[in-house]
Amino acid sequence: MGNRFHACASCLHFRASRTEQGMKYHCSRLGYETKPNFQFNCWSPKENVRKLMEKERGNDRENLH
């Protein structure tokens, strides 16, 4: 099963900037333009996303018992 949180927008290295042409999304780690919903293997979740994942994992464990 995939991780529902895994996307560029939830990564530490995701940067968004507003330009005259619209929003631009950039990965500061990889150094190129990306999209919020793209997924790469180098994903490092933001702190708030890690906490949500841990909380969800804890709820899953409780439901097993």
C-alpha atoms as a PDB file:
ATOM      1  CA  MET A   1       0.000   0.000   0.000  1.00  0.00           C
ATOM      2  CA  GLY A   2       1.302   3.484  -0.872  1.00  0.00           C
ATOM      3  CA  ASN A   3       1.734   6.379   1.487  1.00  0.00           C
ATOM      4  CA  ARG A   4      -1.142   8.827   0.992  1.00  0.00           C
ATOM      5  CA  PHE A   5       1.044  11.675   2.290  1.00  0.00           C
ATOM      6  CA  HIS A   6       3.865  11.114  -0.208  1.00  0.00           C
ATOM      7  CA  ALA A   7       3.922  14.063  -2.629  1.00  0.00           C
ATOM      8  CA  CYS A   8       6.286  16.913  -3.398  1.00  0.00           C
ATOM      9  CA  ALA A   9       4.020  19.451  -1.666  1.00  0.00           C
ATOM     10  CA  SER A  10       4.551  17.654   1.669  1.00  0.00           C
ATOM     11  CA  CYS A  11       8.350  17.502   1.319  1.00  0.00           C
ATOM     12  CA  LEU A  12      10.876  19.661   3.170  1.00  0.00           C
ATOM     13  CA  HIS A  13      12.494  20.646  -0.114  1.00  0.00           C
ATOM     14  CA  PHE A  14       9.349  21.818  -1.930  1.00  0.00           C
ATOM     15  CA  ARG A  15       9.271  25.540  -2.732  1.00  0.00           C
ATOM     16  CA  ALA A  16       6.387  27.520  -4.220  1.00  0.00           C
ATOM     17  CA  SER A  17       6.639  31.021  -5.610  1.00  0.00           C
ATOM     18  CA  ARG A  18       4.161  33.336  -7.290  1.00  0.00           C
ATOM     19  CA  THR A  19       5.295  34.894 -10.556  1.00  0.00           C
ATOM     20  CA  GLU A  20       3.570  37.061 -13.142  1.00  0.00           C
ATOM     21  CA  GLN A  21       3.027  33.865 -15.158  1.00  0.00           C
ATOM     22  CA  GLY A  22       1.417  32.052 -12.193  1.00  0.00           C
ATOM     23  CA  MET A  23       2.638  29.692  -9.504  1.00  0.00           C
ATOM     24  CA  LYS A  24       6.019  27.996  -9.929  1.00  0.00           C
ATOM     25  CA  TYR A  25       7.022  24.929  -7.939  1.00  0.00           C
ATOM     26  CA  HIS A  26      10.638  23.953  -7.385  1.00  0.00           C
ATOM     27  CA  CYS A  27      12.554  21.229  -5.563  1.00  0.00           C
ATOM     28  CA  SER A  28      15.477  22.779  -3.716  1.00  0.00           C
ATOM     29  CA  ARG A  29      17.145  19.359  -3.347  1.00  0.00           C
ATOM     30  CA  LEU A  30      16.898  18.191  -6.949  1.00  0.00           C
ATOM     31  CA  GLY A  31      17.185  21.682  -8.418  1.00  0.00           C
ATOM     32  CA  TYR A  32      14.369  21.640 -10.927  1.00  0.00           C
ATOM     33  CA  GLU A  33      10.721  22.504 -11.433  1.00  0.00           C
ATOM     34  CA  THR A  34       8.157  20.052 -10.073  1.00  0.00           C
ATOM     35  CA  LYS A  35       4.431  19.823  -9.331  1.00  0.00           C
ATOM     36  CA  PRO A  36       2.765  19.533  -5.899  1.00  0.00           C
ATOM     37  CA  ASN A  37       1.418  16.039  -6.608  1.00  0.00           C
ATOM     38  CA  PHE A  38       4.604  14.549  -8.101  1.00  0.00           C
ATOM     39  CA  GLN A  39       6.400  11.805  -6.162  1.00  0.00           C
ATOM     40  CA  PHE A  40      10.118  11.053  -5.997  1.00  0.00           C
ATOM     41  CA  ASN A  41      12.065   8.477  -3.981  1.00  0.00           C
ATOM     42  CA  CYS A  42      14.090  11.221  -2.273  1.00  0.00           C
ATOM     43  CA  TRP A  43      10.987  12.493  -0.426  1.00  0.00           C
ATOM     44  CA  SER A  44      11.604  13.880   3.088  1.00  0.00           C
ATOM     45  CA  PRO A  45       8.307  14.729   4.788  1.00  0.00           C
ATOM     46  CA  LYS A  46       7.801  18.039   6.582  1.00  0.00           C
ATOM     47  CA  GLU A  47       7.574  17.848  10.386  1.00  0.00           C
ATOM     48  CA  ASN A  48       3.783  18.269  10.491  1.00  0.00           C
ATOM     49  CA  VAL A  49       3.389  15.504   7.882  1.00  0.00           C
ATOM     50  CA  ARG A  50       5.634  13.152   9.877  1.00  0.00           C
ATOM     51  CA  LYS A  51       3.473  13.758  12.960  1.00  0.00           C
ATOM     52  CA  LEU A  52       0.293  12.999  10.993  1.00  0.00           C
ATOM     53  CA  MET A  53       1.863   9.799   9.649  1.00  0.00           C
ATOM     54  CA  GLU A  54       2.925   8.710  13.144  1.00  0.00           C
ATOM     55  CA  LYS A  55      -0.534   9.469  14.534  1.00  0.00           C
ATOM     56  CA  GLU A  56      -2.193   7.507  11.739  1.00  0.00           C
ATOM     57  CA  ARG A  57       0.217   4.596  12.247  1.00  0.00           C
ATOM     58  CA  GLY A  58      -0.647   4.604  15.962  1.00  0.00           C
ATOM     59  CA  ASN A  59      -4.358   4.511  15.184  1.00  0.00           C
ATOM     60  CA  ASP A  60      -3.804   1.574  12.836  1.00  0.00           C
ATOM     61  CA  ARG A  61      -2.010  -0.353  15.595  1.00  0.00           C
ATOM     62  CA  GLU A  62      -4.837   0.330  18.062  1.00  0.00           C
ATOM     63  CA  ASN A  63      -7.395  -1.004  15.595  1.00  0.00           C
ATOM     64  CA  LEU A  64      -5.498  -4.298  15.318  1.00  0.00           C
ATOM     65  CA  HIS A  65      -6.057  -5.107  19.008  1.00  0.00           C
END
